[in-house]
């Protein structure tokens, strides 16, 4: 799979191997090693034991909003005909590729003008994606208007309308398989979020080369917030739309989308980082983060309230050192704030400082015990650190907060 054991925790691998050993009736790890190498079926079972999805619809909404604007303002005006080709990898249980389809339809893009290819290494999550029936855990946040437009309530959950389902083609595959993306400049848009963070540096470089080759010259690549520094280190160009975490190929000229929607609303959370393996957290191995030239401070000297928005912009562009400084400045000038500690925790987490991140998240929860995003982030971090009981309690709290919000 190319996963870096350090990014998901060796304990998660040990548990998965022991689970499969027991099921196969093998006591000796060496015997299981031989079986996993000899049997493609068993190797896939081991992969399934390691990979556990954590995703929901419209995660990081600014990415989907930007996608709709770019297609309306750039792609459609330049092409009287043709089909927009979108890649979603990893697709997990389908929430991301289906969100892409809903975003494009809601932006007024005709269904005949786009096609989404969705790949994942897990056969089980693809089976769930094909069913397209989802429980409440897939619908998070306060704005669930899309559910009324595109889903039908059934006894087993919310079933996605066929008009959206038919826009997505699911396929099992590994990013590094030679036959997965055989052509060059295939896709106008690629969503590859929260995958690169689980690779070691050499594997990250290979993955980015594959993605760069598959992306058209004017295409856009969406990544997770903690992966922005890695893209910048490969000379990708940020679209500079805060909280969208979108990039173009090296040397591309960016054009900021029109309209007020390019500016994010105040107090939007910086990000929620999707989890793939069981014990994973946000950590870019060996990423070289681009920072401003010495002596130049990109933060405007304005009022304390603006520091958090500046911090979000800097974090989006991979300037984690300066983003942390803006958070600390906000705390110094305006006093303790749950949102400031939350954002500082995300920045520390993305920078590979889990202990500092946990301390910031706990301070945020002290100020706002019902901060849903903080509860989720801290739960994921506790899993990485091997504190599964703490992580479970935090997830239970997050579910209670979400339920109260839904029924409010």
Protein backbone atom coordinates (compact mmCIF):
# COMPACT_ATOMS: atom_id res chain seq x y z
CA UNK A 1 0.00 0.00 0.00
CA UNK A 2 2.97 2.32 0.50
CA UNK A 3 1.84 3.32 3.99
CA UNK A 4 4.39 4.59 6.47
CA UNK A 5 4.00 2.58 9.67
CA UNK A 6 4.97 5.61 11.76
CA UNK A 7 2.02 7.57 10.38
CA UNK A 8 -0.59 5.06 11.51
CA UNK A 9 1.17 3.51 14.51
CA UNK A 10 2.77 0.08 14.70
CA UNK A 11 0.13 -0.95 17.25
CA UNK A 12 -2.55 -0.71 14.56
CA UNK A 13 -0.54 -3.00 12.28
CA UNK A 14 0.09 -5.46 15.10
CA UNK A 15 -3.62 -5.61 15.95
CA UNK A 16 -4.55 -6.17 12.30
CA UNK A 17 -1.97 -8.95 11.85
CA UNK A 18 -2.99 -10.67 15.10
CA UNK A 19 -6.64 -10.47 14.06
CA UNK A 20 -5.92 -12.08 10.68
CA UNK A 21 -3.60 -14.68 12.23
CA UNK A 22 -6.37 -15.75 14.57
CA UNK A 23 -8.94 -15.96 11.78
CA UNK A 24 -6.53 -18.02 9.65
CA UNK A 25 -5.67 -20.30 12.58
CA UNK A 26 -1.95 -19.48 12.45
CA UNK A 27 0.05 -19.06 15.65
CA UNK A 28 3.42 -18.22 14.12
CA UNK A 29 3.80 -14.71 12.60
CA UNK A 30 6.25 -16.17 10.09
CA UNK A 31 3.58 -18.51 8.79
CA UNK A 32 1.19 -15.62 8.38
CA UNK A 33 3.89 -13.58 6.62
CA UNK A 34 4.27 -16.40 4.09
CA UNK A 35 0.51 -16.66 3.61
CA UNK A 36 0.04 -12.92 3.06
CA UNK A 37 2.77 -12.97 0.41
CA UNK A 38 1.43 -16.06 -1.31
CA UNK A 39 -2.27 -15.21 -1.31
CA UNK A 40 -3.69 -12.06 -2.92
CA UNK A 41 -6.98 -12.79 -1.17
CA UNK A 42 -5.38 -12.82 2.27
CA UNK A 43 -3.30 -9.74 1.52
CA UNK A 44 -6.52 -7.91 0.65
CA UNK A 45 -8.07 -9.12 3.91
CA UNK A 46 -5.11 -7.65 5.80
CA UNK A 47 -5.54 -4.36 3.97
CA UNK A 48 -9.22 -4.35 4.91
CA UNK A 49 -8.25 -4.89 8.56
CA UNK A 50 -5.93 -1.86 8.49
CA UNK A 51 -8.08 0.55 6.50
CA UNK A 52 -11.07 1.93 8.36
CA UNK A 53 -12.79 4.95 6.78
CA UNK A 54 -13.66 8.16 8.56
CA UNK A 55 -15.42 10.54 6.22
CA UNK A 56 -18.66 12.45 5.66
CA UNK A 57 -20.42 14.52 3.03
CA UNK A 58 -19.00 17.93 2.12
CA UNK A 59 -16.02 17.70 4.41
CA UNK A 60 -14.16 21.02 4.06
CA UNK A 61 -17.01 22.74 2.23
CA UNK A 62 -14.84 25.48 0.74
CA UNK A 63 -13.20 22.90 -1.55
CA UNK A 64 -16.55 21.97 -3.08
CA UNK A 65 -17.65 25.59 -3.33
CA UNK A 66 -14.44 26.45 -5.19
CA UNK A 67 -14.91 23.47 -7.51
CA UNK A 68 -18.33 24.72 -8.58
CA UNK A 69 -17.05 28.26 -9.19
CA UNK A 70 -14.02 27.15 -11.19
CA UNK A 71 -16.11 24.95 -13.47
CA UNK A 72 -18.66 27.72 -14.02
CA UNK A 73 -16.13 30.52 -14.49
CA UNK A 74 -13.25 28.78 -16.28
CA UNK A 75 -14.00 25.34 -17.63
CA UNK A 76 -17.49 25.72 -19.14
CA UNK A 77 -16.88 29.11 -20.84
CA UNK A 78 -13.77 27.69 -22.54
CA UNK A 79 -15.50 24.52 -23.80
CA UNK A 80 -18.74 24.49 -25.71
CA UNK A 81 -18.71 20.71 -25.53
CA UNK A 82 -16.83 17.92 -23.83
CA UNK A 83 -16.93 16.23 -20.43
CA UNK A 84 -15.21 17.41 -17.25
CA UNK A 85 -13.23 14.47 -15.86
CA UNK A 86 -12.82 14.27 -12.09
CA UNK A 87 -10.78 11.80 -10.03
CA UNK A 88 -11.54 10.99 -6.38
CA UNK A 89 -8.84 8.90 -4.70
CA UNK A 90 -9.23 7.41 -2.17
CA UNK A 91 -12.99 7.35 -2.51
CA UNK A 92 -13.71 5.46 0.72
CA UNK A 93 -17.43 4.80 1.22
CA UNK A 94 -18.41 7.33 -1.44
CA UNK A 95 -19.13 10.50 0.50
CA UNK A 96 -16.43 12.51 -1.28
CA UNK A 97 -17.15 11.60 -4.93
CA UNK A 98 -20.88 11.94 -4.34
CA UNK A 99 -20.27 15.34 -2.72
CA UNK A 100 -18.37 16.36 -5.86
CA UNK A 101 -21.32 15.32 -8.01
CA UNK A 102 -23.82 17.18 -5.82
CA UNK A 103 -21.63 20.30 -5.77
CA UNK A 104 -21.43 20.37 -9.57
CA UNK A 105 -25.16 19.79 -10.03
CA UNK A 106 -25.98 22.47 -7.46
CA UNK A 107 -23.62 24.84 -9.31
CA UNK A 108 -25.70 24.37 -12.45
CA UNK A 109 -23.35 22.06 -14.35
CA UNK A 110 -25.39 19.73 -16.61
CA UNK A 111 -25.07 16.06 -15.65
CA UNK A 112 -23.94 15.24 -19.16
CA UNK A 113 -20.93 17.54 -18.86
CA UNK A 114 -19.01 15.79 -16.08
CA UNK A 115 -17.91 12.30 -15.02
CA UNK A 116 -16.31 11.21 -11.73
CA UNK A 117 -13.94 8.27 -11.44
CA UNK A 118 -13.55 7.03 -7.86
CA UNK A 119 -10.85 4.58 -6.76
CA UNK A 120 -10.10 2.90 -3.44
CA UNK A 121 -7.90 0.00 -2.38
CA UNK A 122 -10.64 -1.44 -0.16
CA UNK A 123 -13.28 -3.65 -1.77
CA UNK A 124 -15.51 -3.39 1.30
CA UNK A 125 -15.80 0.37 1.32
CA UNK A 126 -16.50 0.33 -2.42
CA UNK A 127 -19.38 -2.07 -1.85
CA UNK A 128 -20.85 0.40 0.65
CA UNK A 129 -20.29 3.25 -1.80
CA UNK A 130 -22.17 1.35 -4.48
CA UNK A 131 -25.20 0.94 -2.18
CA UNK A 132 -25.24 4.71 -1.56
CA UNK A 133 -27.31 4.37 1.63
CA UNK A 134 -25.96 6.38 4.55
CA UNK A 135 -26.58 6.83 8.24
CA UNK A 136 -26.50 9.97 10.34
CA UNK A 137 -22.73 9.80 10.83
CA UNK A 138 -22.24 10.71 7.17
CA UNK A 139 -24.16 13.97 7.63
CA UNK A 140 -22.35 16.43 9.86
CA UNK A 141 -22.47 20.15 10.36
CA UNK A 142 -25.37 22.56 10.49
CA UNK A 143 -26.13 22.88 6.76
CA UNK A 144 -27.80 19.67 5.60
CA UNK A 145 -29.97 21.25 2.92
CA UNK A 146 -28.28 19.05 0.30
CA UNK A 147 -29.78 15.99 1.98
CA UNK A 148 -33.30 17.20 1.27
CA UNK A 149 -32.39 17.83 -2.38
CA UNK A 150 -30.49 14.67 -3.19
CA UNK A 151 -31.52 11.91 -0.75
CA UNK A 152 -34.59 9.87 0.07
CA UNK A 153 -35.22 8.73 3.63
CA UNK A 154 -35.62 4.94 3.90
CA UNK A 155 -35.87 2.56 6.89
CA UNK A 156 -32.21 1.60 6.43
CA UNK A 157 -30.88 5.15 6.01
CA UNK A 158 -30.74 7.97 3.51
CA UNK A 159 -30.54 6.71 -0.07
CA UNK A 160 -28.83 8.91 -2.66
CA UNK A 161 -30.85 9.77 -5.75
CA UNK A 162 -29.98 7.82 -8.89
CA UNK A 163 -29.30 11.03 -10.82
CA UNK A 164 -26.26 11.63 -8.59
CA UNK A 165 -25.21 7.99 -8.23
CA UNK A 166 -25.00 7.54 -11.97
CA UNK A 167 -22.35 10.28 -12.27
CA UNK A 168 -19.76 8.26 -10.35
CA UNK A 169 -17.86 5.17 -11.51
CA UNK A 170 -16.25 3.21 -8.65
CA UNK A 171 -13.27 0.91 -9.14
CA UNK A 172 -10.86 -0.91 -6.87
CA UNK A 173 -7.25 0.10 -7.37
CA UNK A 174 -3.94 1.17 -5.88
CA UNK A 175 -2.49 4.57 -6.75
CA UNK A 176 0.84 2.92 -7.61
CA UNK A 177 -0.57 0.21 -9.85
CA UNK A 178 0.84 0.59 -13.37
CA UNK A 179 -2.57 0.21 -14.99
CA UNK A 180 -4.57 2.52 -12.70
CA UNK A 181 -3.81 5.83 -14.43
CA UNK A 182 -2.05 4.79 -17.65
CA UNK A 183 -2.56 8.03 -19.58
CA UNK A 184 -1.20 11.55 -19.08
CA UNK A 185 -3.29 14.68 -18.41
CA UNK A 186 -6.48 12.69 -17.96
CA UNK A 187 -8.28 14.65 -15.25
CA UNK A 188 -9.37 18.27 -15.03
CA UNK A 189 -9.90 17.95 -11.27
CA UNK A 190 -8.34 15.58 -8.75
CA UNK A 191 -9.39 15.14 -5.13
CA UNK A 192 -6.64 13.26 -3.27
CA UNK A 193 -7.12 14.22 0.36
CA UNK A 194 -5.66 12.61 3.46
CA UNK A 195 -3.69 9.96 1.61
CA UNK A 196 -0.26 11.53 1.12
CA UNK A 197 0.13 12.07 4.87
CA UNK A 198 0.38 8.31 5.42
CA UNK A 199 3.36 7.80 3.08
CA UNK A 200 7.04 8.22 3.81
CA UNK A 201 8.79 10.98 1.90
CA UNK A 202 9.99 8.91 -1.06
CA UNK A 203 6.52 7.40 -1.49
CA UNK A 204 4.96 10.87 -1.25
CA UNK A 205 7.22 11.98 -4.10
CA UNK A 206 6.14 9.01 -6.22
CA UNK A 207 2.48 9.70 -5.50
CA UNK A 208 2.74 13.36 -6.43
CA UNK A 209 4.46 12.44 -9.69
CA UNK A 210 1.54 10.14 -10.54
CA UNK A 211 -1.02 12.83 -9.68
CA UNK A 212 0.86 15.53 -11.58
CA UNK A 213 1.02 13.35 -14.69
CA UNK A 214 -2.70 12.60 -14.49
CA UNK A 215 -3.72 16.27 -14.06
CA UNK A 216 -4.35 18.46 -17.09
CA UNK A 217 -2.21 21.56 -17.60
CA UNK A 218 -4.97 23.82 -16.24
CA UNK A 219 -6.36 21.31 -13.79
CA UNK A 220 -6.79 21.67 -10.04
CA UNK A 221 -5.62 19.28 -7.33
CA UNK A 222 -7.40 19.34 -3.95
CA UNK A 223 -5.51 17.99 -0.92
CA UNK A 224 -5.97 17.96 2.85
CA UNK A 225 -4.83 20.92 4.97
CA UNK A 226 -1.86 19.05 6.42
CA UNK A 227 -0.67 18.17 2.89
CA UNK A 228 -0.37 21.73 1.59
CA UNK A 229 3.28 22.09 2.60
CA UNK A 230 4.13 18.95 0.66
CA UNK A 231 2.51 20.31 -2.53
CA UNK A 232 4.33 23.62 -2.15
CA UNK A 233 7.62 21.78 -1.79
CA UNK A 234 6.93 20.25 -5.22
CA UNK A 235 6.37 23.72 -6.71
CA UNK A 236 2.61 23.36 -7.06
CA UNK A 237 0.85 26.72 -7.07
CA UNK A 238 -1.86 27.51 -4.53
CA UNK A 239 -5.14 28.93 -5.83
CA UNK A 240 -4.96 31.19 -2.76
CA UNK A 241 -8.59 30.56 -1.90
CA UNK A 242 -8.62 30.19 1.90
CA UNK A 243 -9.67 26.81 3.29
CA UNK A 244 -10.04 25.20 -0.16
CA UNK A 245 -6.53 23.64 -0.12
CA UNK A 246 -6.46 23.64 -3.92
CA UNK A 247 -3.39 23.69 -6.17
CA UNK A 248 -2.39 23.86 -9.82
CA UNK A 249 0.60 22.29 -11.53
CA UNK A 250 4.03 23.93 -11.22
CA UNK A 251 4.30 27.10 -13.29
CA UNK A 252 0.55 27.54 -13.63
CA UNK A 253 -0.95 31.03 -13.54
CA UNK A 254 -3.78 31.24 -11.02
CA UNK A 255 -6.89 33.37 -11.30
CA UNK A 256 -8.86 33.96 -8.14
CA UNK A 257 -12.50 33.01 -8.69
CA UNK A 258 -14.96 35.86 -8.96
CA UNK A 259 -17.55 36.79 -6.41
CA UNK A 260 -17.75 37.18 -2.67
CA UNK A 261 -17.78 33.43 -2.17
CA UNK A 262 -14.01 33.40 -2.60
CA UNK A 263 -13.72 34.93 0.88
CA UNK A 264 -14.59 32.40 3.59
CA UNK A 265 -17.11 33.30 6.27
CA UNK A 266 -15.73 34.30 9.65
CA UNK A 267 -15.01 31.64 12.28
CA UNK A 268 -15.04 28.76 9.81
CA UNK A 269 -12.99 25.87 11.22
CA UNK A 270 -9.61 25.43 9.54
CA UNK A 271 -10.22 21.82 8.64
CA UNK A 272 -11.33 18.37 9.60
CA UNK A 273 -8.82 15.74 8.53
CA UNK A 274 -10.23 12.53 7.13
CA UNK A 275 -8.91 9.34 8.62
CA UNK A 276 -8.04 6.27 6.64
CA UNK A 277 -6.06 3.79 8.79
CA UNK A 278 -7.26 3.07 12.32
CA UNK A 279 -4.71 4.95 14.35
CA UNK A 280 -3.70 7.64 11.90
CA UNK A 281 -3.30 11.37 12.47
CA UNK A 282 -2.22 14.38 10.46
CA UNK A 283 1.54 14.32 10.02
CA UNK A 284 3.45 15.03 6.82
CA UNK A 285 6.65 13.00 6.97
CA UNK A 286 9.62 15.10 5.95
CA UNK A 287 7.60 17.80 4.21
CA UNK A 288 9.50 21.02 3.48
CA UNK A 289 7.17 23.87 4.32
CA UNK A 290 7.62 27.11 2.43
CA UNK A 291 7.95 30.11 4.77
CA UNK A 292 8.15 33.83 4.01
CA UNK A 293 11.49 35.51 3.35
CA UNK A 294 13.33 36.43 6.53
CA UNK A 295 12.37 39.84 7.79
CA UNK A 296 9.00 39.93 6.00
CA UNK A 297 5.87 39.34 8.04
CA UNK A 298 2.82 38.58 5.85
CA UNK A 299 0.36 39.38 8.63
CA UNK A 300 -1.39 42.71 8.40
CA UNK A 301 -1.05 44.83 11.52
CA UNK A 302 -4.75 45.22 12.13
CA UNK A 303 -7.00 44.20 14.99
CA UNK A 304 -6.74 41.00 17.06
CA UNK A 305 -9.86 39.48 15.50
CA UNK A 306 -8.17 39.40 12.09
CA UNK A 307 -5.28 37.25 13.28
CA UNK A 308 -7.26 34.01 13.15
CA UNK A 309 -8.34 34.60 9.55
CA UNK A 310 -4.72 35.39 8.67
CA UNK A 311 -3.67 32.19 10.46
CA UNK A 312 -6.14 30.15 8.42
CA UNK A 313 -4.83 31.63 5.18
CA UNK A 314 -1.21 31.00 6.15
CA UNK A 315 -1.96 27.43 7.21
CA UNK A 316 -3.79 26.81 3.92
CA UNK A 317 -0.65 27.94 2.06
CA UNK A 318 1.63 25.73 4.17
CA UNK A 319 3.14 28.54 6.27
CA UNK A 320 2.72 26.68 9.55
CA UNK A 321 5.29 28.68 11.51
CA UNK A 322 3.63 31.97 10.64
CA UNK A 323 0.15 30.50 11.15
CA UNK A 324 1.09 29.47 14.69
CA UNK A 325 2.49 32.94 15.32
CA UNK A 326 -0.82 34.52 14.25
CA UNK A 327 -2.76 32.22 16.58
CA UNK A 328 -0.46 33.08 19.47
CA UNK A 329 -0.80 36.78 18.68
CA UNK A 330 -4.59 36.48 18.78
CA UNK A 331 -4.39 34.75 22.16
CA UNK A 332 -1.99 37.38 23.49
CA UNK A 333 -4.08 40.35 22.37
CA UNK A 334 -7.62 39.05 22.86
CA UNK A 335 -7.20 36.47 25.59
CA UNK A 336 -8.09 32.76 25.63
CA UNK A 337 -10.40 31.62 22.84
CA UNK A 338 -11.60 28.13 21.93
CA UNK A 339 -11.32 28.90 18.23
CA UNK A 340 -7.74 30.17 18.56
CA UNK A 341 -6.62 27.14 20.58
CA UNK A 342 -8.42 24.85 18.10
CA UNK A 343 -6.66 26.36 15.10
CA UNK A 344 -3.32 26.36 16.90
CA UNK A 345 -3.87 22.68 17.69
CA UNK A 346 -4.53 21.86 14.03
CA UNK A 347 -1.38 23.73 13.00
CA UNK A 348 0.70 21.93 15.66
CA UNK A 349 -0.82 18.63 14.55
CA UNK A 350 0.00 19.29 10.89
CA UNK A 351 3.55 20.28 11.88
CA UNK A 352 4.13 16.94 13.59
CA UNK A 353 3.88 18.06 17.24
CA UNK A 354 1.18 15.77 18.67
CA UNK A 355 1.79 16.58 22.35
CA UNK A 356 1.51 20.34 21.74
CA UNK A 357 -1.54 19.77 19.55
CA UNK A 358 -3.26 17.73 22.27
CA UNK A 359 -2.57 20.47 24.83
CA UNK A 360 -4.14 23.08 22.56
CA UNK A 361 -7.20 20.93 21.86
CA UNK A 362 -7.74 20.37 25.58
CA UNK A 363 -7.54 24.10 26.26
CA UNK A 364 -10.13 24.66 23.54
CA UNK A 365 -12.43 22.08 25.14
CA UNK A 366 -12.01 23.71 28.54
CA UNK A 367 -13.36 26.93 27.01
CA UNK A 368 -15.98 25.22 24.84
CA UNK A 369 -16.77 21.64 25.95
CA UNK A 370 -19.18 21.21 23.01
CA UNK A 371 -16.77 22.16 20.21
CA UNK A 372 -17.48 19.28 17.80
CA UNK A 373 -14.42 19.70 15.57
CA UNK A 374 -12.07 19.80 18.56
CA UNK A 375 -13.60 16.60 19.94
CA UNK A 376 -13.10 14.84 16.61
CA UNK A 377 -9.52 16.06 16.14
CA UNK A 378 -8.49 15.16 19.67
CA UNK A 379 -10.09 11.71 19.33
CA UNK A 380 -8.09 11.06 16.18
CA UNK A 381 -4.91 12.23 17.87
CA UNK A 382 -5.51 10.01 20.89
CA UNK A 383 -5.90 7.05 18.53
CA UNK A 384 -2.53 7.81 16.99
CA UNK A 385 -0.94 7.98 20.42
CA UNK A 386 -2.44 4.59 21.30
CA UNK A 387 -4.91 5.96 23.87
CA UNK A 388 -7.94 4.14 22.46
CA UNK A 389 -10.17 4.43 25.56
CA UNK A 390 -9.71 8.21 25.62
CA UNK A 391 -10.40 8.37 21.90
CA UNK A 392 -13.61 6.37 22.32
CA UNK A 393 -14.88 8.66 25.08
CA UNK A 394 -14.17 11.73 22.93
CA UNK A 395 -16.03 10.22 19.99
CA UNK A 396 -19.01 9.50 22.22
CA UNK A 397 -19.00 13.13 23.37
CA UNK A 398 -18.80 14.29 19.75
CA UNK A 399 -21.78 12.13 18.80
CA UNK A 400 -23.84 13.54 21.67
CA UNK A 401 -22.97 17.10 20.63
CA UNK A 402 -23.93 16.31 17.04
CA UNK A 403 -27.22 14.75 18.08
CA UNK A 404 -28.13 17.76 20.21
CA UNK A 405 -27.27 20.05 17.30
CA UNK A 406 -29.39 18.00 14.88
CA UNK A 407 -32.43 18.05 17.17
CA UNK A 408 -32.06 21.70 18.14
